[in-house]
Amino acid sequence: MDPENGFPAGTPEGPVARMSWHGVAHSVAAAVAFTALAIAAVMMTVCCVRRRAVWPAVLNGAVALVLLVPMSPDHMSLQIALNGLVAFSWTTAVAVSVHRPSYPA
């Protein structure tokens, strides 16, 4: 991301006048990645509903809803932090739940 809003220290307050190409690439990549995670959460919800696994379906659906909430310019920093926390916690939980040891225990 481009330096803006006083971050890092010494950067003027307010948004940048013009985003750099790498700032645009970062924003596009984040939008694509988080949309893909939301779609994956929706797909997991559907799979859990078909298996009649109620709690996993509810939790996957909640993750999908959080990730699909549009970004508000007034609260974007908080939303980005929440989305990151939810997305990476969910990804970790899914990975742990499907992990099967490759060797006998």
Protein backbone atom coordinates (compact mmCIF):
# COMPACT_ATOMS: atom_id res chain seq x y z
CA MET A 1 0.00 0.00 0.00
CA ASP A 2 1.04 3.57 -0.54
CA PRO A 3 2.01 5.58 2.55
CA GLU A 4 -0.94 7.73 3.64
CA ASN A 5 -2.88 9.04 6.61
CA GLY A 6 0.24 9.58 8.71
CA PHE A 7 1.49 6.00 8.30
CA PRO A 8 4.39 5.41 8.41
CA ALA A 9 5.53 8.19 10.71
CA GLY A 10 6.32 11.36 8.82
CA THR A 11 3.76 10.74 6.06
CA PRO A 12 1.30 13.62 5.60
CA GLU A 13 -2.26 13.18 6.85
CA GLY A 14 -4.96 12.27 4.35
CA PRO A 15 -5.12 9.92 1.39
CA VAL A 16 -2.56 9.91 -1.41
CA ALA A 17 -3.40 12.10 -4.39
CA ARG A 18 -2.72 9.30 -6.86
CA MET A 19 -2.23 5.61 -6.09
CA SER A 20 0.88 3.93 -7.46
CA TRP A 21 0.59 0.87 -9.69
CA HIS A 22 1.68 -1.37 -6.84
CA GLY A 23 -0.90 0.20 -4.52
CA VAL A 24 -3.58 -0.54 -7.12
CA ALA A 25 -2.23 -4.11 -7.58
CA HIS A 26 -2.30 -4.65 -3.81
CA SER A 27 -5.90 -3.44 -3.55
CA VAL A 28 -7.07 -5.56 -6.50
CA ALA A 29 -5.27 -8.67 -5.20
CA ALA A 30 -6.82 -8.21 -1.75
CA ALA A 31 -10.30 -7.79 -3.22
CA VAL A 32 -9.90 -10.93 -5.36
CA ALA A 33 -8.43 -12.98 -2.49
CA PHE A 34 -11.06 -12.05 0.07
CA THR A 35 -13.87 -12.56 -2.45
CA ALA A 36 -12.45 -16.01 -3.18
CA LEU A 37 -12.39 -16.77 0.55
CA ALA A 38 -16.02 -15.65 0.86
CA ILE A 39 -17.01 -17.90 -2.04
CA ALA A 40 -15.16 -20.80 -0.40
CA ALA A 41 -17.04 -20.13 2.85
CA VAL A 42 -20.36 -20.18 0.95
CA MET A 43 -19.38 -23.47 -0.68
CA MET A 44 -18.43 -24.94 2.71
CA THR A 45 -21.79 -23.78 4.07
CA VAL A 46 -23.63 -25.57 1.27
CA CYS A 47 -21.61 -28.76 1.87
CA CYS A 48 -22.34 -28.65 5.59
CA VAL A 49 -26.05 -28.05 4.98
CA ARG A 50 -26.16 -31.08 2.67
CA ARG A 51 -24.47 -33.19 5.36
CA ARG A 52 -26.88 -31.74 7.95
CA ALA A 53 -23.95 -30.49 10.02
CA VAL A 54 -25.72 -27.57 11.69
CA TRP A 55 -22.95 -25.81 13.64
CA PRO A 56 -20.34 -25.96 10.88
CA ALA A 57 -22.96 -24.66 8.43
CA VAL A 58 -23.84 -21.75 10.73
CA LEU A 59 -20.19 -20.88 11.38
CA ASN A 60 -19.20 -21.09 7.71
CA GLY A 61 -22.22 -18.97 6.81
CA ALA A 62 -21.25 -16.36 9.41
CA VAL A 63 -17.74 -16.20 7.96
CA ALA A 64 -19.17 -15.73 4.47
CA LEU A 65 -21.41 -12.91 5.68
CA VAL A 66 -18.56 -11.11 7.45
CA LEU A 67 -16.35 -11.35 4.35
CA LEU A 68 -19.13 -10.17 2.02
CA VAL A 69 -20.04 -7.02 3.97
CA PRO A 70 -19.14 -4.02 1.78
CA MET A 71 -16.30 -1.84 3.01
CA SER A 72 -17.30 1.48 4.56
CA PRO A 73 -14.86 4.36 3.99
CA ASP A 74 -15.49 5.58 7.55
CA HIS A 75 -14.55 2.26 9.18
CA MET A 76 -12.32 0.64 6.58
CA SER A 77 -9.30 0.06 8.85
CA LEU A 78 -11.43 -1.72 11.43
CA GLN A 79 -13.19 -3.78 8.76
CA ILE A 80 -9.90 -4.81 7.15
CA ALA A 81 -8.56 -5.93 10.54
CA LEU A 82 -11.76 -7.86 11.32
CA ASN A 83 -11.84 -9.46 7.87
CA GLY A 84 -8.22 -10.53 8.22
CA LEU A 85 -8.83 -12.01 11.66
CA VAL A 86 -11.98 -13.85 10.53
CA ALA A 87 -10.51 -15.05 7.22
CA PHE A 88 -7.25 -16.37 8.61
CA SER A 89 -8.87 -17.91 11.70
CA TRP A 90 -11.44 -19.62 9.48
CA THR A 91 -8.77 -20.85 7.05
CA THR A 92 -6.77 -22.28 9.97
CA ALA A 93 -9.85 -23.95 11.47
CA VAL A 94 -10.76 -25.55 8.13
CA ALA A 95 -7.19 -26.77 7.61
CA VAL A 96 -7.05 -28.27 11.09
CA SER A 97 -10.46 -29.91 10.69
CA VAL A 98 -9.50 -31.68 7.44
CA HIS A 99 -5.94 -32.58 8.48
CA ARG A 100 -5.24 -36.27 8.49
CA PRO A 101 -1.83 -37.53 9.59
CA SER A 102 0.10 -39.23 6.81
CA TYR A 103 1.63 -41.72 9.23
CA PRO A 104 0.01 -44.15 11.70
CA ALA A 105 -0.29 -42.76 15.20
